[in-house]
Amino acid sequence: MSQNQLDGNRSLAVSSVERVSQRISLLGNPKHCSRSLEGLSSFHSLEELILDNNLLGDDLVLPGLPRLHTLTLNKNQITDLECLLDHLAEVTPALEYLSLLGNVACPNELVSLEKDEEDYKRYRCFVLHKLPNLKFLDAQKVTKQEREEALVRGAFMKVVKPKVSSEEVAASLEHHYTPLPSASRELTSHRGVLGKCRYVYYGKNSEGNRFIRDDQL
């Protein structure tokens, strides 16, 4: 069996499946997604695994798959990049192709408009530092320059987020910051001032006076 496609909300059942399958596609859909990978440990010869759009999160656990070279986890709910990479380095030593597009852990404009190209470059550098055997990451081939940069700077590309307590989050929601100074009266209470003044211009410093004769004044 070259391909076993399972979808819906069922877990991977192997009792009636040939255990020498080389490729498994577990493709989710908006109504029926699978979060269970029960049974994958029976596919010792697995080489390709497609787990796109399945609501998989940071609790993802894969069995040891020594021959797996292709893994796609697009459009899931993975946020902890370092945890995932450490796990993949342990259980998939032969991995060469990895795709994480559509996850928060993969910073690009598909996830957030606040991310830019520099964020994605740092992400690639960190991934290649953790998984140096990768040949393709997401939809792009790994270049020699990226591999060399990962050896030198990859360990410093980790994005560290400060831990915020629930009390601090609640307080920040209650207090809305504004750069404007506090006013003594309500914004809807407007008071205008009407006055009258007299101003006489003598033109002493006007450049135009150089072209006006005294008899024209």
Protein backbone atom coordinates (compact mmCIF):
# COMPACT_ATOMS: atom_id res chain seq x y z
CA MET A 1 0.00 0.00 0.00
CA SER A 2 1.58 3.28 -1.10
CA GLN A 3 -0.96 5.65 0.45
CA ASN A 4 -3.49 5.40 3.23
CA GLN A 5 -5.81 8.38 3.46
CA LEU A 6 -7.76 8.82 6.63
CA ASP A 7 -9.92 11.83 7.40
CA GLY A 8 -12.80 12.79 9.66
CA ASN A 9 -12.59 12.53 13.40
CA ARG A 10 -11.26 8.98 13.55
CA SER A 11 -7.86 8.04 14.94
CA LEU A 12 -5.37 6.08 12.88
CA ALA A 13 -6.55 2.49 12.96
CA VAL A 14 -3.97 -0.09 11.93
CA SER A 15 -5.70 -3.36 12.60
CA SER A 16 -6.88 -3.68 9.00
CA VAL A 17 -4.11 -1.70 7.33
CA GLU A 18 -0.90 -3.00 5.85
CA ARG A 19 1.84 -2.11 8.31
CA VAL A 20 4.48 -1.47 5.70
CA SER A 21 2.79 1.67 4.35
CA GLN A 22 5.27 4.33 3.31
CA ARG A 23 2.94 7.31 3.09
CA ILE A 24 0.01 8.40 5.27
CA SER A 25 -2.17 11.44 4.72
CA LEU A 26 -4.41 12.50 7.57
CA LEU A 27 -6.17 15.49 6.03
CA GLY A 28 -8.62 17.36 8.21
CA ASN A 29 -11.52 19.51 7.16
CA PRO A 30 -13.32 22.39 8.91
CA LYS A 31 -16.09 20.14 10.25
CA HIS A 32 -14.19 16.95 11.09
CA CYS A 33 -10.61 17.17 12.30
CA SER A 34 -8.49 14.58 14.03
CA ARG A 35 -6.32 15.23 17.08
CA SER A 36 -5.43 11.61 17.75
CA LEU A 37 -2.40 9.91 16.22
CA GLU A 38 -3.01 6.58 17.86
CA GLY A 39 -1.55 3.75 15.84
CA LEU A 40 1.31 5.56 14.09
CA SER A 41 3.87 3.59 16.08
CA SER A 42 2.94 0.50 14.07
CA PHE A 43 4.18 2.07 10.81
CA HIS A 44 7.89 1.48 11.24
CA SER A 45 8.65 2.05 7.55
CA LEU A 46 6.75 5.34 7.30
CA GLU A 47 8.54 7.86 5.07
CA GLU A 48 5.93 10.59 4.44
CA LEU A 49 3.37 11.93 6.88
CA ILE A 50 0.79 14.62 6.00
CA LEU A 51 -1.05 16.07 9.02
CA ASP A 52 -2.39 19.34 7.64
CA ASN A 53 -5.44 21.10 9.15
CA ASN A 54 -6.05 18.79 12.12
CA LEU A 55 -6.14 21.08 15.19
CA LEU A 56 -2.84 19.62 16.40
CA GLY A 57 -1.28 21.68 19.19
CA ASP A 58 1.79 21.81 21.40
CA ASP A 59 0.84 18.47 22.95
CA LEU A 60 1.67 16.71 19.67
CA VAL A 61 3.54 13.46 20.29
CA LEU A 62 4.93 11.33 17.47
CA PRO A 63 6.37 7.84 17.89
CA GLY A 64 9.88 7.00 16.79
CA LEU A 65 9.86 7.10 12.96
CA PRO A 66 13.45 6.46 11.87
CA ARG A 67 12.71 6.51 8.11
CA LEU A 68 10.42 9.53 8.00
CA HIS A 69 11.85 12.15 5.64
CA THR A 70 8.76 14.27 4.89
CA LEU A 71 6.43 15.83 7.46
CA THR A 72 3.85 18.56 6.89
CA LEU A 73 1.93 20.14 9.76
CA ASN A 74 0.37 23.06 7.94
CA LYS A 75 -2.62 24.95 9.37
CA ASN A 76 -2.62 23.48 12.87
CA GLN A 77 -2.44 25.12 16.30
CA ILE A 78 1.26 24.78 17.12
CA THR A 79 2.73 27.74 19.03
CA ASP A 80 5.82 26.40 20.84
CA LEU A 81 8.42 26.09 18.11
CA GLU A 82 11.37 24.98 20.23
CA CYS A 83 9.39 22.21 21.93
CA LEU A 84 8.28 20.84 18.57
CA LEU A 85 11.77 20.96 17.05
CA ASP A 86 13.35 19.20 20.03
CA HIS A 87 10.72 16.47 19.74
CA LEU A 88 11.24 16.05 15.99
CA ALA A 89 15.02 15.90 16.41
CA GLU A 90 14.52 12.97 18.75
CA VAL A 91 11.87 10.92 16.94
CA THR A 92 12.53 11.74 13.25
CA PRO A 93 16.33 11.68 12.75
CA ALA A 94 16.03 11.29 8.94
CA LEU A 95 13.70 14.28 8.44
CA GLU A 96 14.57 16.32 5.35
CA TYR A 97 11.33 18.14 4.48
CA LEU A 98 9.27 20.03 7.06
CA SER A 99 6.39 22.45 6.56
CA LEU A 100 4.75 24.45 9.38
CA LEU A 101 2.90 27.10 7.38
CA GLY A 102 -0.29 28.38 8.96
CA ASN A 103 0.85 27.83 12.57
CA VAL A 104 1.59 30.56 15.09
CA ALA A 105 5.02 28.97 15.51
CA CYS A 106 5.77 29.88 11.88
CA PRO A 107 5.84 33.72 11.81
CA ASN A 108 4.69 35.05 8.47
CA GLU A 109 1.86 37.10 7.01
CA LEU A 110 -0.33 34.01 6.69
CA VAL A 111 -0.62 34.00 10.48
CA SER A 112 -0.30 37.67 11.40
CA LEU A 113 0.07 40.91 9.48
CA GLU A 114 2.40 42.10 12.25
CA LYS A 115 5.05 39.62 11.08
CA ASP A 116 7.46 40.51 8.31
CA GLU A 117 10.23 38.95 6.25
CA GLU A 118 12.84 39.44 8.99
CA ASP A 119 10.72 37.45 11.46
CA TYR A 120 10.49 34.60 8.97
CA LYS A 121 14.25 34.65 8.32
CA ARG A 122 14.97 34.36 12.04
CA TYR A 123 12.50 31.49 12.23
CA ARG A 124 14.23 29.60 9.41
CA CYS A 125 17.62 30.16 11.01
CA PHE A 126 16.44 28.76 14.33
CA VAL A 127 14.75 25.74 12.73
CA LEU A 128 17.91 24.88 10.77
CA HIS A 129 19.93 25.19 13.96
CA LYS A 130 17.70 22.59 15.61
CA LEU A 131 17.28 20.37 12.51
CA PRO A 132 20.49 20.76 10.46
CA ASN A 133 19.64 17.89 8.08
CA LEU A 134 16.64 19.66 6.54
CA LYS A 135 16.78 20.22 2.78
CA PHE A 136 13.40 21.94 2.44
CA LEU A 137 11.62 24.12 5.00
CA ASP A 138 8.04 25.11 4.28
CA ALA A 139 7.91 25.86 0.55
CA GLN A 140 11.56 26.86 0.09
CA LYS A 141 14.76 24.94 -0.43
CA VAL A 142 17.40 25.40 2.25
CA THR A 143 20.34 27.34 0.81
CA LYS A 144 24.02 26.97 1.65
CA GLN A 145 24.05 30.50 3.07
CA GLU A 146 21.14 29.70 5.40
CA ARG A 147 22.85 26.56 6.61
CA GLU A 148 26.09 28.42 7.35
CA GLU A 149 24.24 31.22 9.15
CA ALA A 150 22.35 28.68 11.26
CA LEU A 151 25.65 27.20 12.45
CA VAL A 152 26.87 30.60 13.60
CA ARG A 153 23.75 32.44 14.74
CA GLY A 154 20.98 29.87 14.94
CA ALA A 155 21.14 29.44 18.71
CA PHE A 156 20.49 33.17 19.17
CA MET A 157 17.41 33.32 16.94
CA LYS A 158 15.04 31.95 19.58
CA VAL A 159 12.12 34.29 20.29
CA VAL A 160 11.59 34.59 24.03
CA LYS A 161 8.22 35.87 25.18
CA PRO A 162 7.84 37.29 28.71
CA LYS A 163 5.46 35.39 30.94
CA VAL A 164 2.44 37.46 31.91
CA SER A 165 0.19 36.48 34.78
CA SER A 166 -3.59 36.43 34.44
CA GLU A 167 -3.83 39.31 36.95
CA GLU A 168 -1.58 41.48 34.78
CA VAL A 169 -3.62 40.68 31.69
CA ALA A 170 -6.86 41.61 33.47
CA ALA A 171 -5.33 44.86 34.73
CA SER A 172 -4.10 45.82 31.27
CA LEU A 173 -7.57 45.26 29.82
CA GLU A 174 -9.13 47.54 32.44
CA HIS A 175 -6.60 50.34 31.98
CA HIS A 176 -6.55 51.74 28.45
CA TYR A 177 -3.39 53.69 27.72
CA THR A 178 -3.72 57.04 25.95
CA PRO A 179 -0.91 59.47 25.02
CA LEU A 180 -3.24 62.45 25.56
CA PRO A 181 -3.09 64.40 28.86
CA SER A 182 -5.99 64.06 31.24
CA ALA A 183 -8.61 66.79 30.77
CA SER A 184 -10.42 68.67 33.52
CA ARG A 185 -13.76 68.32 31.77
CA GLU A 186 -15.48 65.83 29.52
CA LEU A 187 -14.48 65.65 25.86
CA THR A 188 -18.06 66.46 24.84
CA SER A 189 -18.07 69.68 26.87
CA HIS A 190 -16.72 72.22 24.36
CA ARG A 191 -16.15 75.91 25.16
CA GLY A 192 -15.07 78.35 22.50
CA VAL A 193 -13.47 81.80 22.97
CA LEU A 194 -14.32 84.80 20.76
CA GLY A 195 -12.10 87.87 20.95
CA LYS A 196 -10.95 90.93 19.01
CA CYS A 197 -7.45 92.33 18.54
CA ARG A 198 -5.68 95.01 16.47
CA TYR A 199 -2.50 94.30 14.50
CA VAL A 200 -0.54 96.84 12.45
CA TYR A 201 2.06 95.68 9.93
CA TYR A 202 4.78 98.22 9.12
CA GLY A 203 6.68 96.12 6.59
CA LYS A 204 10.12 96.96 7.89
CA ASN A 205 11.46 93.51 7.13
CA SER A 206 9.52 92.88 3.94
CA GLU A 207 11.62 92.15 0.84
CA GLY A 208 8.86 93.58 -1.30
CA ASN A 209 9.52 97.13 0.00
CA ARG A 210 12.72 97.28 -2.04
CA PHE A 211 10.67 97.64 -5.24
CA ILE A 212 8.24 100.33 -3.98
CA ARG A 213 9.11 103.99 -4.33
CA ASP A 214 8.23 106.57 -1.71
CA ASP A 215 5.79 108.33 -4.07
CA GLN A 216 3.84 105.05 -4.39
CA LEU A 217 3.15 104.82 -0.68
